[in-house]
């Protein structure tokens, strides 16, 4: 959690808030990959793509 706090403080301080949506999309894609390969939800996730 400290890393996320540091990242948020960096983006806020340096006026780089445009990075927030990019990071959010990358995290969501990462979650799709992790859950897509190892769960019963995999067929539904593959249907989205």
PDB file of N, CA and C in Angstrom:
ATOM      1  N   UNK A   1       0.813  -1.191   0.000  1.00  0.00           N
ATOM      2  CA  UNK A   1       0.000   0.000   0.000  1.00  0.00           C
ATOM      3  C   UNK A   1       0.862   1.263   0.000  1.00  0.00           C
ATOM      4  N   UNK A   2       2.037   1.167   0.582  1.00  0.00           N
ATOM      5  CA  UNK A   2       2.922   2.331   0.624  1.00  0.00           C
ATOM      6  C   UNK A   2       3.354   2.735  -0.787  1.00  0.00           C
ATOM      7  N   UNK A   3       3.572   1.731  -1.640  1.00  0.00           N
ATOM      8  CA  UNK A   3       3.959   2.023  -3.024  1.00  0.00           C
ATOM      9  C   UNK A   3       2.865   2.803  -3.749  1.00  0.00           C
ATOM     10  N   UNK A   4       1.618   2.390  -3.563  1.00  0.00           N
ATOM     11  CA  UNK A   4       0.508   3.093  -4.211  1.00  0.00           C
ATOM     12  C   UNK A   4       0.379   4.522  -3.695  1.00  0.00           C
ATOM     13  N   UNK A   5       0.589   4.696  -2.399  1.00  0.00           N
ATOM     14  CA  UNK A   5       0.546   6.031  -1.827  1.00  0.00           C
ATOM     15  C   UNK A   5       1.667   6.901  -2.397  1.00  0.00           C
ATOM     16  N   UNK A   6       2.867   6.348  -2.489  1.00  0.00           N
ATOM     17  CA  UNK A   6       3.992   7.088  -3.065  1.00  0.00           C
ATOM     18  C   UNK A   6       3.735   7.435  -4.529  1.00  0.00           C
ATOM     19  N   UNK A   7       3.176   6.497  -5.267  1.00  0.00           N
ATOM     20  CA  UNK A   7       2.869   6.746  -6.674  1.00  0.00           C
ATOM     21  C   UNK A   7       1.837   7.855  -6.814  1.00  0.00           C
ATOM     22  N   UNK A   8       0.798   7.822  -5.984  1.00  0.00           N
ATOM     23  CA  UNK A   8      -0.236   8.863  -6.037  1.00  0.00           C
ATOM     24  C   UNK A   8       0.351  10.230  -5.671  1.00  0.00           C
ATOM     25  N   UNK A   9       1.190  10.268  -4.641  1.00  0.00           N
ATOM     26  CA  UNK A   9       1.811  11.539  -4.242  1.00  0.00           C
ATOM     27  C   UNK A   9       2.709  12.077  -5.354  1.00  0.00           C
ATOM     28  N   UNK A  10       3.435  11.202  -6.020  1.00  0.00           N
ATOM     29  CA  UNK A  10       4.288  11.621  -7.140  1.00  0.00           C
ATOM     30  C   UNK A  10       3.447  12.228  -8.262  1.00  0.00           C
ATOM     31  N   UNK A  11       2.357  11.534  -8.622  1.00  0.00           N
ATOM     32  CA  UNK A  11       1.522  12.028  -9.720  1.00  0.00           C
ATOM     33  C   UNK A  11       0.874  13.363  -9.361  1.00  0.00           C
ATOM     34  N   UNK A  12       0.460  13.513  -8.115  1.00  0.00           N
ATOM     35  CA  UNK A  12      -0.179  14.741  -7.680  1.00  0.00           C
ATOM     36  C   UNK A  12       0.817  15.898  -7.629  1.00  0.00           C
ATOM     37  N   UNK A  13       2.010  15.616  -7.135  1.00  0.00           N
ATOM     38  CA  UNK A  13       3.026  16.655  -6.968  1.00  0.00           C
ATOM     39  C   UNK A  13       3.583  17.126  -8.302  1.00  0.00           C
ATOM     40  N   UNK A  14       3.806  16.190  -9.215  1.00  0.00           N
ATOM     41  CA  UNK A  14       4.405  16.526 -10.512  1.00  0.00           C
ATOM     42  C   UNK A  14       3.372  16.850 -11.582  1.00  0.00           C
ATOM     43  N   UNK A  15       2.092  16.914 -11.204  1.00  0.00           N
ATOM     44  CA  UNK A  15       0.999  17.224 -12.139  1.00  0.00           C
ATOM     45  C   UNK A  15       0.924  16.204 -13.275  1.00  0.00           C
ATOM     46  N   UNK A  16       1.076  14.953 -12.940  1.00  0.00           N
ATOM     47  CA  UNK A  16       1.019  13.875 -13.923  1.00  0.00           C
ATOM     48  C   UNK A  16      -0.207  12.999 -13.673  1.00  0.00           C
ATOM     49  N   UNK A  17      -1.332  13.632 -13.428  1.00  0.00           N
ATOM     50  CA  UNK A  17      -2.549  12.878 -13.150  1.00  0.00           C
ATOM     51  C   UNK A  17      -3.071  12.142 -14.377  1.00  0.00           C
ATOM     52  N   UNK A  18      -2.566  12.492 -15.548  1.00  0.00           N
ATOM     53  CA  UNK A  18      -2.972  11.777 -16.758  1.00  0.00           C
ATOM     54  C   UNK A  18      -2.458  10.342 -16.755  1.00  0.00           C
ATOM     55  N   UNK A  19      -1.512  10.027 -15.862  1.00  0.00           N
ATOM     56  CA  UNK A  19      -1.012   8.653 -15.759  1.00  0.00           C
ATOM     57  C   UNK A  19      -2.003   7.726 -15.048  1.00  0.00           C
ATOM     58  N   UNK A  20      -2.906   8.286 -14.256  1.00  0.00           N
ATOM     59  CA  UNK A  20      -3.833   7.465 -13.466  1.00  0.00           C
ATOM     60  C   UNK A  20      -4.692   6.546 -14.343  1.00  0.00           C
ATOM     61  N   UNK A  21      -5.323   7.041 -15.423  1.00  0.00           N
ATOM     62  CA  UNK A  21      -6.124   6.110 -16.245  1.00  0.00           C
ATOM     63  C   UNK A  21      -5.281   5.027 -16.913  1.00  0.00           C
ATOM     64  N   UNK A  22      -4.077   5.372 -17.300  1.00  0.00           N
ATOM     65  CA  UNK A  22      -3.202   4.380 -17.935  1.00  0.00           C
ATOM     66  C   UNK A  22      -2.850   3.274 -16.948  1.00  0.00           C
ATOM     67  N   UNK A  23      -2.500   3.655 -15.730  1.00  0.00           N
ATOM     68  CA  UNK A  23      -2.152   2.672 -14.707  1.00  0.00           C
ATOM     69  C   UNK A  23      -3.365   1.814 -14.366  1.00  0.00           C
ATOM     70  N   UNK A  24      -4.536   2.426 -14.278  1.00  0.00           N
ATOM     71  CA  UNK A  24      -5.754   1.687 -13.977  1.00  0.00           C
ATOM     72  C   UNK A  24      -6.064   0.651 -15.055  1.00  0.00           C
ATOM     73  N   UNK A  25      -5.935   1.020 -16.312  1.00  0.00           N
ATOM     74  CA  UNK A  25      -6.191   0.087 -17.414  1.00  0.00           C
ATOM     75  C   UNK A  25      -5.184  -1.057 -17.391  1.00  0.00           C
ATOM     76  N   UNK A  26      -3.926  -0.755 -17.141  1.00  0.00           N
ATOM     77  CA  UNK A  26      -2.917  -1.811 -17.068  1.00  0.00           C
ATOM     78  C   UNK A  26      -3.192  -2.774 -15.923  1.00  0.00           C
ATOM     79  N   UNK A  27      -3.622  -2.250 -14.776  1.00  0.00           N
ATOM     80  CA  UNK A  27      -3.966  -3.123 -13.653  1.00  0.00           C
ATOM     81  C   UNK A  27      -5.160  -4.012 -13.976  1.00  0.00           C
ATOM     82  N   UNK A  28      -6.166  -3.454 -14.630  1.00  0.00           N
ATOM     83  CA  UNK A  28      -7.337  -4.256 -15.005  1.00  0.00           C
ATOM     84  C   UNK A  28      -6.979  -5.347 -16.003  1.00  0.00           C
ATOM     85  N   UNK A  29      -6.140  -5.021 -16.982  1.00  0.00           N
ATOM     86  CA  UNK A  29      -5.703  -6.046 -17.935  1.00  0.00           C
ATOM     87  C   UNK A  29      -4.906  -7.139 -17.240  1.00  0.00           C
ATOM     88  N   UNK A  30      -4.082  -6.747 -16.283  1.00  0.00           N
ATOM     89  CA  UNK A  30      -3.325  -7.733 -15.512  1.00  0.00           C
ATOM     90  C   UNK A  30      -4.238  -8.657 -14.731  1.00  0.00           C
ATOM     91  N   UNK A  31      -5.293  -8.097 -14.133  1.00  0.00           N
ATOM     92  CA  UNK A  31      -6.244  -8.926 -13.400  1.00  0.00           C
ATOM     93  C   UNK A  31      -6.989  -9.873 -14.333  1.00  0.00           C
ATOM     94  N   UNK A  32      -7.350  -9.390 -15.527  1.00  0.00           N
ATOM     95  CA  UNK A  32      -8.000 -10.274 -16.499  1.00  0.00           C
ATOM     96  C   UNK A  32      -7.091 -11.439 -16.870  1.00  0.00           C
ATOM     97  N   UNK A  33      -5.815 -11.176 -17.046  1.00  0.00           N
ATOM     98  CA  UNK A  33      -4.881 -12.241 -17.417  1.00  0.00           C
ATOM     99  C   UNK A  33      -4.745 -13.257 -16.289  1.00  0.00           C
ATOM    100  N   UNK A  34      -4.612 -12.772 -15.054  1.00  0.00           N
ATOM    101  CA  UNK A  34      -4.445 -13.680 -13.915  1.00  0.00           C
ATOM    102  C   UNK A  34      -5.689 -14.522 -13.704  1.00  0.00           C
ATOM    103  N   UNK A  35      -6.852 -13.876 -13.664  1.00  0.00           N
ATOM    104  CA  UNK A  35      -8.083 -14.622 -13.414  1.00  0.00           C
ATOM    105  C   UNK A  35      -8.542 -15.397 -14.635  1.00  0.00           C
ATOM    106  N   UNK A  36      -8.149 -14.962 -15.803  1.00  0.00           N
ATOM    107  CA  UNK A  36      -8.550 -15.644 -17.028  1.00  0.00           C
ATOM    108  C   UNK A  36      -7.902 -16.995 -17.195  1.00  0.00           C
ATOM    109  N   UNK A  37      -6.738 -17.168 -16.650  1.00  0.00           N
ATOM    110  CA  UNK A  37      -6.041 -18.430 -16.813  1.00  0.00           C
ATOM    111  C   UNK A  37      -6.254 -19.414 -15.686  1.00  0.00           C
ATOM    112  N   UNK A  38      -6.760 -18.948 -14.548  1.00  0.00           N
ATOM    113  CA  UNK A  38      -6.775 -19.831 -13.385  1.00  0.00           C
ATOM    114  C   UNK A  38      -8.137 -19.994 -12.721  1.00  0.00           C
ATOM    115  N   UNK A  39      -9.209 -19.530 -13.354  1.00  0.00           N
ATOM    116  CA  UNK A  39     -10.479 -19.635 -12.652  1.00  0.00           C
ATOM    117  C   UNK A  39     -11.573 -20.194 -13.562  1.00  0.00           C
ATOM    118  N   UNK A  40     -12.721 -20.401 -12.967  1.00  0.00           N
ATOM    119  CA  UNK A  40     -13.870 -20.902 -13.725  1.00  0.00           C
ATOM    120  C   UNK A  40     -14.503 -19.795 -14.557  1.00  0.00           C
ATOM    121  N   UNK A  41     -14.060 -18.568 -14.351  1.00  0.00           N
ATOM    122  CA  UNK A  41     -14.595 -17.429 -15.089  1.00  0.00           C
ATOM    123  C   UNK A  41     -13.891 -17.279 -16.438  1.00  0.00           C
ATOM    124  N   UNK A  42     -12.884 -18.076 -16.681  1.00  0.00           N
ATOM    125  CA  UNK A  42     -12.062 -17.958 -17.882  1.00  0.00           C
ATOM    126  C   UNK A  42     -12.868 -17.943 -19.184  1.00  0.00           C
ATOM    127  N   UNK A  43     -13.824 -18.829 -19.391  1.00  0.00           N
ATOM    128  CA  UNK A  43     -14.572 -18.785 -20.662  1.00  0.00           C
ATOM    129  C   UNK A  43     -15.316 -17.462 -20.878  1.00  0.00           C
ATOM    130  N   UNK A  44     -15.778 -16.850 -19.803  1.00  0.00           N
ATOM    131  CA  UNK A  44     -16.495 -15.588 -19.935  1.00  0.00           C
ATOM    132  C   UNK A  44     -15.549 -14.436 -20.248  1.00  0.00           C
ATOM    133  N   UNK A  45     -14.344 -14.470 -19.673  1.00  0.00           N
ATOM    134  CA  UNK A  45     -13.358 -13.425 -19.954  1.00  0.00           C
ATOM    135  C   UNK A  45     -12.870 -13.558 -21.388  1.00  0.00           C
ATOM    136  N   UNK A  46     -12.632 -14.782 -21.841  1.00  0.00           N
ATOM    137  CA  UNK A  46     -12.168 -14.967 -23.220  1.00  0.00           C
ATOM    138  C   UNK A  46     -13.225 -14.532 -24.216  1.00  0.00           C
ATOM    139  N   UNK A  47     -14.489 -14.620 -23.845  1.00  0.00           N
ATOM    140  CA  UNK A  47     -15.560 -14.197 -24.741  1.00  0.00           C
ATOM    141  C   UNK A  47     -15.553 -12.689 -24.933  1.00  0.00           C
ATOM    142  N   UNK A  48     -15.027 -11.947 -23.977  1.00  0.00           N
ATOM    143  CA  UNK A  48     -14.961 -10.482 -24.101  1.00  0.00           C
ATOM    144  C   UNK A  48     -13.972 -10.063 -25.169  1.00  0.00           C
ATOM    145  N   UNK A  49     -12.938 -10.843 -25.368  1.00  0.00           N
ATOM    146  CA  UNK A  49     -11.894 -10.475 -26.330  1.00  0.00           C
ATOM    147  C   UNK A  49     -12.047 -11.300 -27.586  1.00  0.00           C
TER     148      UNK A  49
END
